[in-house]
C-alpha atoms as a PDB file:
ATOM      1  CA  MET A   1      36.608 -10.686 -27.408  1.00  0.00           C
ATOM      2  CA  VAL A   2      34.866 -12.081 -24.332  1.00  0.00           C
ATOM      3  CA  LYS A   3      33.627  -9.379 -21.983  1.00  0.00           C
ATOM      4  CA  ASN A   4      34.766  -9.864 -18.354  1.00  0.00           C
ATOM      5  CA  PRO A   5      36.379 -13.278 -19.045  1.00  0.00           C
ATOM      6  CA  THR A   6      36.958 -15.825 -16.307  1.00  0.00           C
ATOM      7  CA  PRO A   7      40.527 -17.079 -15.626  1.00  0.00           C
ATOM      8  CA  GLN A   8      39.645 -20.299 -17.456  1.00  0.00           C
ATOM      9  CA  GLN A   9      38.504 -18.338 -20.517  1.00  0.00           C
ATOM     10  CA  VAL A  10      41.685 -16.225 -20.419  1.00  0.00           C
ATOM     11  CA  SER A  11      43.787 -19.411 -20.290  1.00  0.00           C
ATOM     12  CA  LEU A  12      41.892 -20.920 -23.222  1.00  0.00           C
ATOM     13  CA  ILE A  13      42.301 -17.749 -25.293  1.00  0.00           C
ATOM     14  CA  ILE A  14      46.057 -17.558 -24.590  1.00  0.00           C
ATOM     15  CA  ALA A  15      46.566 -21.302 -25.251  1.00  0.00           C
ATOM     16  CA  LEU A  16      44.553 -21.100 -28.454  1.00  0.00           C
ATOM     17  CA  SER A  17      46.589 -18.087 -29.569  1.00  0.00           C
ATOM     18  CA  PHE A  18      49.866 -19.966 -28.994  1.00  0.00           C
ATOM     19  CA  SER A  19      48.548 -23.064 -30.792  1.00  0.00           C
ATOM     20  CA  VAL A  20      47.299 -21.129 -33.804  1.00  0.00           C
ATOM     21  CA  SER A  21      50.553 -19.139 -33.953  1.00  0.00           C
ATOM     22  CA  GLY A  22      52.574 -22.363 -33.841  1.00  0.00           C
ATOM     23  CA  LEU A  23      50.389 -23.960 -36.502  1.00  0.00           C
ATOM     24  CA  ILE A  24      50.751 -20.933 -38.801  1.00  0.00           C
ATOM     25  CA  ILE A  25      54.547 -20.865 -38.370  1.00  0.00           C
ATOM     26  CA  SER A  26      54.840 -24.612 -38.972  1.00  0.00           C
ATOM     27  CA  SER A  27      52.565 -24.377 -42.026  1.00  0.00           C
ATOM     28  CA  LEU A  28      54.679 -21.559 -43.499  1.00  0.00           C
ATOM     29  CA  LEU A  29      57.841 -23.573 -42.972  1.00  0.00           C
ATOM     30  CA  ALA A  30      56.173 -26.576 -44.607  1.00  0.00           C
ATOM     31  CA  LEU A  31      55.668 -24.541 -47.755  1.00  0.00           C
ATOM     32  CA  PHE A  32      59.413 -24.200 -48.143  1.00  0.00           C
ATOM     33  CA  PHE A  33      60.538 -27.525 -46.745  1.00  0.00           C
ATOM     34  CA  SER A  34      59.155 -31.002 -47.177  1.00  0.00           C
ATOM     35  CA  GLY A  35      59.809 -34.070 -45.109  1.00  0.00           C
ATOM     36  CA  TYR A  36      58.719 -36.180 -42.160  1.00  0.00           C
ATOM     37  CA  PHE A  37      58.871 -33.400 -39.596  1.00  0.00           C
ATOM     38  CA  PHE A  38      56.209 -31.398 -41.383  1.00  0.00           C
ATOM     39  CA  HIS A  39      53.761 -34.201 -41.867  1.00  0.00           C
ATOM     40  CA  PRO A  40      50.098 -33.061 -41.206  1.00  0.00           C
ATOM     41  CA  LEU A  41      49.891 -35.475 -38.284  1.00  0.00           C
ATOM     42  CA  TYR A  42      52.962 -33.818 -36.803  1.00  0.00           C
ATOM     43  CA  LEU A  43      51.324 -30.399 -37.178  1.00  0.00           C
ATOM     44  CA  ILE A  44      48.212 -31.620 -35.369  1.00  0.00           C
ATOM     45  CA  LEU A  45      50.247 -33.175 -32.543  1.00  0.00           C
ATOM     46  CA  GLN A  46      52.350 -30.036 -32.295  1.00  0.00           C
ATOM     47  CA  THR A  47      49.219 -27.857 -32.087  1.00  0.00           C
ATOM     48  CA  VAL A  48      47.706 -30.037 -29.361  1.00  0.00           C
ATOM     49  CA  LEU A  49      50.986 -30.050 -27.451  1.00  0.00           C
ATOM     50  CA  PHE A  50      51.381 -26.269 -27.725  1.00  0.00           C
ATOM     51  CA  PHE A  51      47.796 -25.809 -26.598  1.00  0.00           C
ATOM     52  CA  GLY A  52      48.191 -28.115 -23.578  1.00  0.00           C
ATOM     53  CA  ILE A  53      51.476 -26.588 -22.421  1.00  0.00           C
ATOM     54  CA  ALA A  54      50.279 -22.992 -22.933  1.00  0.00           C
ATOM     55  CA  TYR A  55      47.003 -23.721 -21.141  1.00  0.00           C
ATOM     56  CA  ALA A  56      48.686 -25.427 -18.171  1.00  0.00           C
ATOM     57  CA  VAL A  57      51.333 -22.713 -17.765  1.00  0.00           C
ATOM     58  CA  THR A  58      48.773 -19.917 -18.070  1.00  0.00           C
ATOM     59  CA  VAL A  59      46.418 -21.563 -15.569  1.00  0.00           C
ATOM     60  CA  TYR A  60      49.254 -22.061 -13.101  1.00  0.00           C
ATOM     61  CA  TYR A  61      50.486 -18.473 -13.237  1.00  0.00           C
ATOM     62  CA  LEU A  62      46.999 -16.960 -13.273  1.00  0.00           C
ATOM     63  CA  ARG A  63      45.986 -19.094 -10.314  1.00  0.00           C
ATOM     64  CA  GLU A  64      49.105 -18.164  -8.368  1.00  0.00           C
ATOM     65  CA  TYR A  65      48.932 -14.490  -9.307  1.00  0.00           C
ATOM     66  CA  ILE A  66      45.207 -14.052  -8.713  1.00  0.00           C
ATOM     67  CA  TYR A  67      45.229 -16.088  -5.493  1.00  0.00           C
ATOM     68  CA  ARG A  68      48.064 -14.023  -4.012  1.00  0.00           C
ATOM     69  CA  LYS A  69      46.426 -10.735  -4.994  1.00  0.00           C
ATOM     70  CA  ILE A  70      43.012 -11.801  -3.730  1.00  0.00           C
ATOM     71  CA  LYS A  71      44.488 -13.110  -0.482  1.00  0.00           C
ATOM     72  CA  VAL A  72      46.008  -9.666   0.175  1.00  0.00           C
ATOM     73  CA  ILE A  73      42.668  -8.008  -0.569  1.00  0.00           C
ATOM     74  CA  TYR A  74      40.774 -10.372   1.724  1.00  0.00           C
ATOM     75  CA  LYS A  75      43.325  -9.829   4.474  1.00  0.00           C
ATOM     76  CA  THR A  76      42.436  -6.148   4.246  1.00  0.00           C
ATOM     77  CA  ILE A  77      38.657  -6.362   4.068  1.00  0.00           C
ATOM     78  CA  HIS A  78      37.973  -9.416   6.248  1.00  0.00           C
ATOM     79  CA  ARG A  79      38.185  -9.274  10.022  1.00  0.00           C
ATOM     80  CA  HIS A  80      38.583 -13.016  10.525  1.00  0.00           C
ATOM     81  CA  LYS A  81      41.663 -15.095   9.794  1.00  0.00           C
ATOM     82  CA  ILE A  82      41.602 -17.510   6.903  1.00  0.00           C
ATOM     83  CA  ALA A  83      40.940 -21.016   8.186  1.00  0.00           C
ATOM     84  CA  PRO A  84      43.740 -23.563   7.609  1.00  0.00           C
ATOM     85  CA  GLN A  85      41.525 -25.579   5.259  1.00  0.00           C
ATOM     86  CA  GLU A  86      40.898 -22.426   3.210  1.00  0.00           C
ATOM     87  CA  LYS A  87      44.580 -21.538   2.758  1.00  0.00           C
ATOM     88  CA  GLY A  88      45.311 -24.355   0.335  1.00  0.00           C
ATOM     89  CA  LYS A  89      41.979 -24.160  -1.423  1.00  0.00           C
ATOM     90  CA  MET A  90      42.204 -23.802  -5.195  1.00  0.00           C
ATOM     91  CA  LEU A  91      40.405 -21.004  -6.978  1.00  0.00           C
ATOM     92  CA  ASN A  92      37.383 -21.835  -9.076  1.00  0.00           C
ATOM     93  CA  LEU A  93      38.644 -20.755 -12.481  1.00  0.00           C
ATOM     94  CA  LYS A  94      35.185 -21.000 -14.014  1.00  0.00           C
ATOM     95  CA  SER A  95      33.856 -18.141 -11.900  1.00  0.00           C
ATOM     96  CA  ASN A  96      34.400 -14.478 -12.640  1.00  0.00           C
ATOM     97  CA  ILE A  97      36.786 -13.981  -9.723  1.00  0.00           C
ATOM     98  CA  ILE A  98      37.725 -10.367 -10.394  1.00  0.00           C
ATOM     99  CA  ASP A  99      34.107  -9.255 -10.568  1.00  0.00           C
ATOM    100  CA  ASP A 100      33.318 -11.203  -7.392  1.00  0.00           C
ATOM    101  CA  VAL A 101      36.188  -9.568  -5.540  1.00  0.00           C
ATOM    102  CA  GLU A 102      35.258  -6.142  -6.918  1.00  0.00           C
ATOM    103  CA  LYS A 103      31.707  -6.667  -5.653  1.00  0.00           C
ATOM    104  CA  GLU A 104      32.919  -7.732  -2.202  1.00  0.00           C
ATOM    105  CA  VAL A 105      35.290  -4.760  -1.978  1.00  0.00           C
ATOM    106  CA  ALA A 106      32.434  -2.409  -2.938  1.00  0.00           C
ATOM    107  CA  GLU A 107      30.212  -3.974  -0.253  1.00  0.00           C
ATOM    108  CA  TRP A 108      33.068  -3.690   2.253  1.00  0.00           C
ATOM    109  CA  ALA A 109      33.482  -0.002   1.383  1.00  0.00           C
ATOM    110  CA  VAL A 110      29.757   0.589   1.953  1.00  0.00           C
ATOM    111  CA  ARG A 111      29.957  -1.210   5.320  1.00  0.00           C
ATOM    112  CA  GLN A 112      32.959   0.875   6.290  1.00  0.00           C
ATOM    113  CA  ASP A 113      31.125   4.096   5.427  1.00  0.00           C
ATOM    114  CA  GLU A 114      28.100   2.955   7.436  1.00  0.00           C
ATOM    115  CA  GLU A 115      30.268   2.078  10.436  1.00  0.00           C
ATOM    116  CA  ILE A 116      32.101   5.393  10.248  1.00  0.00           C
ATOM    117  CA  GLU A 117      28.781   7.248  10.171  1.00  0.00           C
ATOM    118  CA  LYS A 118      27.556   5.126  13.079  1.00  0.00           C
ATOM    119  CA  TYR A 119      30.704   5.892  15.099  1.00  0.00           C
ATOM    120  CA  LYS A 120      30.318   9.592  14.338  1.00  0.00           C
ATOM    121  CA  ALA A 121      26.690   9.494  15.468  1.00  0.00           C
ATOM    122  CA  TRP A 122      27.626   7.672  18.685  1.00  0.00           C
ATOM    123  CA  ALA A 123      30.482  10.092  19.335  1.00  0.00           C
ATOM    124  CA  GLU A 124      28.111  13.028  18.861  1.00  0.00           C
ATOM    125  CA  TYR A 125      25.513  11.350  21.075  1.00  0.00           C
ATOM    126  CA  ARG A 126      28.152  10.694  23.761  1.00  0.00           C
ATOM    127  CA  ARG A 127      29.317  14.309  23.683  1.00  0.00           C
ATOM    128  CA  ASN A 128      25.750  15.559  23.965  1.00  0.00           C
ATOM    129  CA  PHE A 129      24.996  13.103  26.752  1.00  0.00           C
ATOM    130  CA  VAL A 130      28.021  14.177  28.792  1.00  0.00           C
ATOM    131  CA  GLY A 131      27.062  17.822  28.293  1.00  0.00           C
ATOM    132  CA  ASP A 132      23.424  17.159  29.198  1.00  0.00           C
ATOM    133  CA  ILE A 133      24.175  15.145  32.326  1.00  0.00           C
ATOM    134  CA  SER A 134      26.699  17.756  33.472  1.00  0.00           C
ATOM    135  CA  HIS A 135      24.089  20.469  33.062  1.00  0.00           C
ATOM    136  CA  GLU A 136      21.342  18.457  34.753  1.00  0.00           C
ATOM    137  CA  LEU A 137      23.540  17.616  37.759  1.00  0.00           C
ATOM    138  CA  LYS A 138      25.051  21.076  37.989  1.00  0.00           C
ATOM    139  CA  THR A 139      21.700  22.846  38.455  1.00  0.00           C
ATOM    140  CA  PRO A 140      20.581  21.123  41.695  1.00  0.00           C
ATOM    141  CA  ILE A 141      24.156  21.030  43.040  1.00  0.00           C
ATOM    142  CA  PHE A 142      24.513  24.764  42.429  1.00  0.00           C
ATOM    143  CA  ASN A 143      21.171  25.438  44.167  1.00  0.00           C
ATOM    144  CA  ILE A 144      22.035  23.264  47.160  1.00  0.00           C
ATOM    145  CA  GLU A 145      25.427  24.927  47.465  1.00  0.00           C
ATOM    146  CA  GLY A 146      23.828  28.379  47.355  1.00  0.00           C
ATOM    147  CA  TYR A 147      21.239  27.604  50.044  1.00  0.00           C
ATOM    148  CA  LEU A 148      23.778  25.970  52.378  1.00  0.00           C
ATOM    149  CA  HIS A 149      26.334  28.766  52.047  1.00  0.00           C
ATOM    150  CA  THR A 150      23.606  31.331  52.710  1.00  0.00           C
ATOM    151  CA  LEU A 151      22.603  29.455  55.870  1.00  0.00           C
ATOM    152  CA  LEU A 152      26.247  29.167  57.005  1.00  0.00           C
ATOM    153  CA  ASP A 153      26.750  32.892  56.440  1.00  0.00           C
ATOM    154  CA  GLY A 154      24.109  33.703  59.041  1.00  0.00           C
ATOM    155  CA  ALA A 155      20.727  32.867  57.594  1.00  0.00           C
ATOM    156  CA  LEU A 156      20.673  29.739  59.768  1.00  0.00           C
ATOM    157  CA  TYR A 157      19.663  31.952  62.704  1.00  0.00           C
ATOM    158  CA  ASP A 158      17.054  33.873  60.727  1.00  0.00           C
ATOM    159  CA  GLU A 159      13.770  32.137  61.506  1.00  0.00           C
ATOM    160  CA  LYS A 160      12.115  33.791  58.495  1.00  0.00           C
ATOM    161  CA  VAL A 161      14.298  31.983  55.904  1.00  0.00           C
ATOM    162  CA  ASN A 162      16.221  29.121  57.558  1.00  0.00           C
ATOM    163  CA  THR A 163      13.445  26.521  57.282  1.00  0.00           C
ATOM    164  CA  LYS A 164      12.527  27.760  53.812  1.00  0.00           C
ATOM    165  CA  PHE A 165      16.113  27.395  52.551  1.00  0.00           C
ATOM    166  CA  LEU A 166      16.496  23.948  54.113  1.00  0.00           C
ATOM    167  CA  ARG A 167      13.309  22.793  52.378  1.00  0.00           C
ATOM    168  CA  LYS A 168      14.572  24.125  49.054  1.00  0.00           C
ATOM    169  CA  ALA A 169      17.930  22.391  49.553  1.00  0.00           C
ATOM    170  CA  ALA A 170      16.102  19.147  50.388  1.00  0.00           C
ATOM    171  CA  LYS A 171      13.946  19.528  47.259  1.00  0.00           C
ATOM    172  CA  ASN A 172      17.056  19.874  45.083  1.00  0.00           C
ATOM    173  CA  LEU A 173      18.631  16.875  46.807  1.00  0.00           C
ATOM    174  CA  ALA A 174      15.520  14.867  45.967  1.00  0.00           C
ATOM    175  CA  ARG A 175      15.845  15.944  42.329  1.00  0.00           C
ATOM    176  CA  LEU A 176      19.529  15.007  42.334  1.00  0.00           C
ATOM    177  CA  ASN A 177      18.642  11.605  43.759  1.00  0.00           C
ATOM    178  CA  THR A 178      15.974  11.133  41.064  1.00  0.00           C
ATOM    179  CA  ILE A 179      18.529  11.838  38.322  1.00  0.00           C
ATOM    180  CA  VAL A 180      21.028   9.360  39.781  1.00  0.00           C
ATOM    181  CA  GLU A 181      18.361   6.651  40.221  1.00  0.00           C
ATOM    182  CA  ASP A 182      17.082   7.151  36.673  1.00  0.00           C
ATOM    183  CA  LEU A 183      20.632   7.007  35.280  1.00  0.00           C
ATOM    184  CA  GLU A 184      21.165   3.750  37.155  1.00  0.00           C
ATOM    185  CA  ALA A 185      17.880   2.399  35.783  1.00  0.00           C
ATOM    186  CA  ILE A 186      18.862   3.247  32.200  1.00  0.00           C
ATOM    187  CA  SER A 187      22.302   1.706  32.718  1.00  0.00           C
ATOM    188  CA  ASN A 188      20.707  -1.534  33.931  1.00  0.00           C
ATOM    189  CA  LEU A 189      18.278  -1.561  31.019  1.00  0.00           C
ATOM    190  CA  GLU A 190      20.966  -0.949  28.378  1.00  0.00           C
ATOM    191  CA  SER A 191      23.386  -3.477  29.855  1.00  0.00           C
ATOM    192  CA  GLY A 192      20.699  -6.146  30.088  1.00  0.00           C
ATOM    193  CA  LYS A 193      20.997  -6.404  33.882  1.00  0.00           C
ATOM    194  CA  LEU A 194      17.266  -5.891  34.293  1.00  0.00           C
ATOM    195  CA  VAL A 195      15.634  -9.319  34.467  1.00  0.00           C
ATOM    196  CA  LEU A 196      11.955  -9.167  33.546  1.00  0.00           C
ATOM    197  CA  GLU A 197       9.640 -11.116  35.840  1.00  0.00           C
ATOM    198  CA  LEU A 198       6.904 -11.953  33.369  1.00  0.00           C
ATOM    199  CA  GLN A 199       3.485 -12.644  34.820  1.00  0.00           C
ATOM    200  CA  VAL A 200      -0.146 -12.496  33.759  1.00  0.00           C
ATOM    201  CA  PHE A 201      -2.185  -9.575  35.101  1.00  0.00           C
ATOM    202  CA  ASP A 202      -5.143  -7.331  34.297  1.00  0.00           C
ATOM    203  CA  ILE A 203      -3.820  -4.166  32.646  1.00  0.00           C
ATOM    204  CA  LYS A 204      -6.951  -2.149  33.499  1.00  0.00           C
ATOM    205  CA  LEU A 205      -6.612  -2.909  37.221  1.00  0.00           C
ATOM    206  CA  LEU A 206      -2.983  -1.759  37.098  1.00  0.00           C
ATOM    207  CA  VAL A 207      -4.015   1.526  35.451  1.00  0.00           C
ATOM    208  CA  GLU A 208      -6.614   2.061  38.177  1.00  0.00           C
ATOM    209  CA  GLU A 209      -3.872   1.618  40.795  1.00  0.00           C
ATOM    210  CA  VAL A 210      -1.739   4.239  39.037  1.00  0.00           C
ATOM    211  CA  PHE A 211      -4.754   6.575  38.894  1.00  0.00           C
ATOM    212  CA  GLU A 212      -5.089   6.245  42.678  1.00  0.00           C
ATOM    213  CA  ASP A 213      -1.380   6.980  43.192  1.00  0.00           C
ATOM    214  CA  LEU A 214      -1.554  10.148  41.073  1.00  0.00           C
ATOM    215  CA  GLU A 215      -5.044  11.282  42.034  1.00  0.00           C
ATOM    216  CA  MET A 216      -3.857  13.936  44.474  1.00  0.00           C
ATOM    217  CA  LYS A 217      -1.363  15.370  41.980  1.00  0.00           C
ATOM    218  CA  ALA A 218      -4.063  15.499  39.290  1.00  0.00           C
ATOM    219  CA  SER A 219      -6.551  17.180  41.633  1.00  0.00           C
ATOM    220  CA  GLU A 220      -4.095  20.049  42.233  1.00  0.00           C
ATOM    221  CA  ARG A 221      -4.732  21.103  38.616  1.00  0.00           C
ATOM    222  CA  ALA A 222      -8.275  19.750  38.401  1.00  0.00           C
ATOM    223  CA  ILE A 223      -7.245  17.206  35.780  1.00  0.00           C
ATOM    224  CA  HIS A 224      -9.650  14.282  35.484  1.00  0.00           C
ATOM    225  CA  LEU A 225      -8.167  10.780  35.122  1.00  0.00           C
ATOM    226  CA  GLY A 226     -10.304   8.152  33.411  1.00  0.00           C
ATOM    227  CA  PHE A 227     -10.763   5.637  30.595  1.00  0.00           C
ATOM    228  CA  LYS A 228     -11.727   6.197  26.977  1.00  0.00           C
ATOM    229  CA  THR A 229     -15.304   5.385  26.054  1.00  0.00           C
ATOM    230  CA  ASP A 230     -15.667   1.938  24.421  1.00  0.00           C
ATOM    231  CA  ALA A 231     -11.964   1.241  25.075  1.00  0.00           C
ATOM    232  CA  ASP A 232     -12.154   0.366  28.763  1.00  0.00           C
ATOM    233  CA  GLU A 233     -12.479  -3.419  28.726  1.00  0.00           C
ATOM    234  CA  ASN A 234     -10.412  -5.619  31.023  1.00  0.00           C
ATOM    235  CA  TYR A 235      -7.559  -7.409  29.258  1.00  0.00           C
ATOM    236  CA  LYS A 236      -5.008  -9.893  30.522  1.00  0.00           C
ATOM    237  CA  VAL A 237      -1.421  -9.260  29.436  1.00  0.00           C
ATOM    238  CA  ARG A 238       1.903 -10.995  30.022  1.00  0.00           C
ATOM    239  CA  ALA A 239       4.645  -8.596  31.173  1.00  0.00           C
ATOM    240  CA  ASP A 240       6.718  -7.438  34.136  1.00  0.00           C
ATOM    241  CA  ARG A 241       3.993  -5.823  36.245  1.00  0.00           C
ATOM    242  CA  GLU A 242       6.208  -3.427  38.210  1.00  0.00           C
ATOM    243  CA  SER A 243       8.060  -2.282  35.088  1.00  0.00           C
ATOM    244  CA  ILE A 244       4.765  -1.595  33.311  1.00  0.00           C
ATOM    245  CA  ARG A 245       3.566   0.247  36.424  1.00  0.00           C
ATOM    246  CA  GLN A 246       6.637   2.477  36.024  1.00  0.00           C
ATOM    247  CA  VAL A 247       5.769   3.036  32.346  1.00  0.00           C
ATOM    248  CA  LEU A 248       2.152   3.960  33.115  1.00  0.00           C
ATOM    249  CA  THR A 249       3.151   6.143  36.068  1.00  0.00           C
ATOM    250  CA  ASN A 250       5.596   8.065  33.908  1.00  0.00           C
ATOM    251  CA  LEU A 251       3.195   8.559  30.990  1.00  0.00           C
ATOM    252  CA  ILE A 252       0.214   9.542  33.151  1.00  0.00           C
ATOM    253  CA  ASN A 253       2.394  11.775  35.329  1.00  0.00           C
ATOM    254  CA  ASN A 254       3.646  13.544  32.179  1.00  0.00           C
ATOM    255  CA  SER A 255       0.071  14.018  30.983  1.00  0.00           C
ATOM    256  CA  ILE A 256      -0.677  15.764  34.266  1.00  0.00           C
ATOM    257  CA  LYS A 257       2.546  17.771  34.256  1.00  0.00           C
ATOM    258  CA  TYR A 258       2.081  19.059  30.704  1.00  0.00           C
ATOM    259  CA  GLY A 259      -1.709  19.097  30.709  1.00  0.00           C
ATOM    260  CA  ILE A 260      -3.951  22.115  31.112  1.00  0.00           C
ATOM    261  CA  ASP A 261      -5.889  23.114  34.211  1.00  0.00           C
ATOM    262  CA  ASN A 262      -9.316  21.470  34.245  1.00  0.00           C
ATOM    263  CA  GLY A 263      -8.069  19.131  31.558  1.00  0.00           C
ATOM    264  CA  ARG A 264      -8.300  15.370  31.220  1.00  0.00           C
ATOM    265  CA  THR A 265      -6.164  12.270  30.795  1.00  0.00           C
ATOM    266  CA  ARG A 266      -7.718   9.209  29.178  1.00  0.00           C
ATOM    267  CA  VAL A 267      -6.357   5.650  28.944  1.00  0.00           C
ATOM    268  CA  GLY A 268      -7.702   3.252  26.297  1.00  0.00           C
ATOM    269  CA  PHE A 269      -7.169  -0.430  25.448  1.00  0.00           C
ATOM    270  CA  TYR A 270      -7.385  -1.834  21.906  1.00  0.00           C
ATOM    271  CA  ASP A 271      -7.372  -5.503  20.925  1.00  0.00           C
ATOM    272  CA  MET A 272      -4.759  -6.201  18.240  1.00  0.00           C
ATOM    273  CA  ASP A 273      -5.165  -9.989  18.024  1.00  0.00           C
ATOM    274  CA  LYS A 274      -1.944 -11.166  19.715  1.00  0.00           C
ATOM    275  CA  HIS A 275      -1.253  -7.834  21.384  1.00  0.00           C
ATOM    276  CA  ILE A 276      -3.024  -5.129  23.337  1.00  0.00           C
ATOM    277  CA  LEU A 277      -2.432  -1.482  22.459  1.00  0.00           C
ATOM    278  CA  ILE A 278      -2.488   0.780  25.524  1.00  0.00           C
ATOM    279  CA  GLU A 279      -2.887   4.515  24.832  1.00  0.00           C
ATOM    280  CA  VAL A 280      -2.452   7.405  27.275  1.00  0.00           C
ATOM    281  CA  ALA A 281      -3.982  10.581  25.831  1.00  0.00           C
ATOM    282  CA  ASP A 282      -4.317  14.130  27.158  1.00  0.00           C
ATOM    283  CA  ASN A 283      -5.581  17.476  25.924  1.00  0.00           C
ATOM    284  CA  GLY A 284      -2.532  19.401  27.098  1.00  0.00           C
ATOM    285  CA  ILE A 285       0.027  21.672  25.471  1.00  0.00           C
ATOM    286  CA  GLY A 286       1.162  19.054  22.926  1.00  0.00           C
ATOM    287  CA  ILE A 287       4.537  18.617  21.266  1.00  0.00           C
ATOM    288  CA  PRO A 288       5.705  20.496  18.136  1.00  0.00           C
ATOM    289  CA  LYS A 289       6.386  18.266  15.124  1.00  0.00           C
ATOM    290  CA  LYS A 290      10.144  18.998  15.093  1.00  0.00           C
ATOM    291  CA  HIS A 291      10.490  17.527  18.597  1.00  0.00           C
ATOM    292  CA  ILE A 292       8.459  14.330  18.086  1.00  0.00           C
ATOM    293  CA  ASN A 293      11.427  12.180  16.982  1.00  0.00           C
ATOM    294  CA  HIS A 294      13.464  13.199  20.046  1.00  0.00           C
ATOM    295  CA  VAL A 295      11.013  12.891  22.940  1.00  0.00           C
ATOM    296  CA  PHE A 296      12.491   9.512  23.961  1.00  0.00           C
ATOM    297  CA  ASP A 297      16.095  10.814  23.957  1.00  0.00           C
ATOM    298  CA  ARG A 298      17.838  11.120  27.297  1.00  0.00           C
ATOM    299  CA  PHE A 299      17.576  14.604  28.870  1.00  0.00           C
ATOM    300  CA  TYR A 300      15.661  15.888  25.852  1.00  0.00           C
ATOM    301  CA  ARG A 301      13.208  18.613  26.835  1.00  0.00           C
ATOM    302  CA  VAL A 302      10.758  20.293  24.476  1.00  0.00           C
ATOM    303  CA  ASP A 303      10.592  23.384  26.688  1.00  0.00           C
ATOM    304  CA  LYS A 304      13.659  23.347  28.923  1.00  0.00           C
ATOM    305  CA  SER A 305      12.629  26.124  31.318  1.00  0.00           C
ATOM    306  CA  ARG A 306       9.081  24.815  31.795  1.00  0.00           C
ATOM    307  CA  SER A 307      10.253  21.185  32.130  1.00  0.00           C
ATOM    308  CA  ARG A 308      12.769  21.943  34.865  1.00  0.00           C
ATOM    309  CA  ALA A 309      10.278  24.113  36.710  1.00  0.00           C
ATOM    310  CA  ARG A 310       7.890  21.153  36.851  1.00  0.00           C
ATOM    311  CA  GLY A 311      10.532  18.739  38.101  1.00  0.00           C
ATOM    312  CA  GLY A 312      11.737  15.424  36.754  1.00  0.00           C
ATOM    313  CA  SER A 313      15.102  14.097  35.639  1.00  0.00           C
ATOM    314  CA  GLY A 314      14.565  14.358  31.894  1.00  0.00           C
ATOM    315  CA  LEU A 315      15.089  10.589  31.678  1.00  0.00           C
ATOM    316  CA  GLY A 316      11.536   9.346  32.208  1.00  0.00           C
ATOM    317  CA  LEU A 317      10.511   8.780  28.591  1.00  0.00           C
ATOM    318  CA  SER A 318      13.884   7.244  27.781  1.00  0.00           C
ATOM    319  CA  ILE A 319      13.337   4.717  30.593  1.00  0.00           C
ATOM    320  CA  VAL A 320       9.808   4.054  29.307  1.00  0.00           C
ATOM    321  CA  LYS A 321      11.163   3.280  25.812  1.00  0.00           C
ATOM    322  CA  HIS A 322      13.851   0.956  27.205  1.00  0.00           C
ATOM    323  CA  ILE A 323      11.322  -0.962  29.313  1.00  0.00           C
ATOM    324  CA  ILE A 324       8.930  -1.455  26.398  1.00  0.00           C
ATOM    325  CA  GLU A 325      11.773  -2.544  24.101  1.00  0.00           C
ATOM    326  CA  ALA A 326      12.978  -4.961  26.804  1.00  0.00           C
ATOM    327  CA  HIS A 327       9.537  -6.576  26.450  1.00  0.00           C
ATOM    328  CA  LYS A 328      10.200  -6.738  22.670  1.00  0.00           C
ATOM    329  CA  GLN A 329       7.276  -4.375  22.085  1.00  0.00           C
ATOM    330  CA  THR A 330       6.911  -0.925  20.503  1.00  0.00           C
ATOM    331  CA  ILE A 331       5.980   2.558  21.681  1.00  0.00           C
ATOM    332  CA  ASN A 332       4.998   5.616  19.653  1.00  0.00           C
ATOM    333  CA  VAL A 333       3.649   9.124  20.114  1.00  0.00           C
ATOM    334  CA  ARG A 334       1.189  11.337  18.261  1.00  0.00           C
ATOM    335  CA  SER A 335       0.867  14.972  19.178  1.00  0.00           C
ATOM    336  CA  THR A 336      -0.421  18.350  18.020  1.00  0.00           C
ATOM    337  CA  PRO A 337       0.431  21.629  19.779  1.00  0.00           C
ATOM    338  CA  ASN A 338      -2.456  22.961  21.893  1.00  0.00           C
ATOM    339  CA  LEU A 339      -4.528  19.812  21.235  1.00  0.00           C
ATOM    340  CA  GLY A 340      -2.621  17.256  23.265  1.00  0.00           C
ATOM    341  CA  SER A 341      -0.493  14.119  23.025  1.00  0.00           C
ATOM    342  CA  THR A 342      -1.150  10.383  22.813  1.00  0.00           C
ATOM    343  CA  PHE A 343       1.471   7.823  23.804  1.00  0.00           C
ATOM    344  CA  GLY A 344       0.740   4.251  22.757  1.00  0.00           C
ATOM    345  CA  PHE A 345       2.577   1.000  23.518  1.00  0.00           C
ATOM    346  CA  THR A 346       1.860  -2.679  22.974  1.00  0.00           C
ATOM    347  CA  LEU A 347       1.968  -5.657  25.311  1.00  0.00           C
ATOM    348  CA  GLU A 348       1.539  -9.377  24.724  1.00  0.00           C
ATOM    349  CA  LYS A 349      -2.095 -10.397  25.057  1.00  0.00           C
ATOM    350  CA  VAL A 350      -3.019 -13.529  26.998  1.00  0.00           C
END
């Protein structure tokens, strides 16, 4: 027997079976009867006729049966409608149709499982995001509400605390505004509304500008900002200058925020043929290994209490990742607790 026969092979086997059966019956009858009707030529013609009729009938019914069954299967597993020209298309009886369909159904099942897992992951991510954003917004709102109610209850006329409470309320409002602005930025990045204004500029000069902007903040903790030795050459890159400024500001600001007093932040540039690798390294508190894969997640904080105490929306690194990916480039992080962290991203070299 043929293993996994095609419809054509099945038809041939059935037709051959009918022909041989007819030939055997006619031959047996010829042993008992003699005459014109049992002439050898008649037996041959009869066999050929039986074979042709059996083959044609079998092909017709197999084609109709298989086509109808397969059409139902494809209606289930395919998302697109069958084109008009495909509806009347005959099946290729020489191919192993059943195996082909079985393979496609198996692939469809795998795709379905993958999509279900993807939907579950997105649902979980959405739930976490809603919970995170609620928590992040609730904290400054709660603080503002507390300070204002205290002032309204009489503290407004207490010169020892009124200005202090107003400043604290203003500080929480600023944090609330930062969260809203960062959420808007991420929304624009994810929806593709951000249009990159690509231009050629010197990446080292841009870093120096960011150093100047953050110099005062770094001096508060005696953190020295500078370039890595032998990795401080000037390179021209093609990118959106203001977006990359935001990336550098965020990374260098984080290195100051999570650095150590009297520490250092170093920026280095490495030629990678068609790209330039920019690294921002510090000798700060570092990031535990279990958190490395999540540092770019929205609202993800390695140390929640310390992160909130030092300000920020919890969205900075997520925005950084979106900006770099919008440039069709990559970003990564290496870190060891108590030794420091290094964030590296690539840009197109000119």
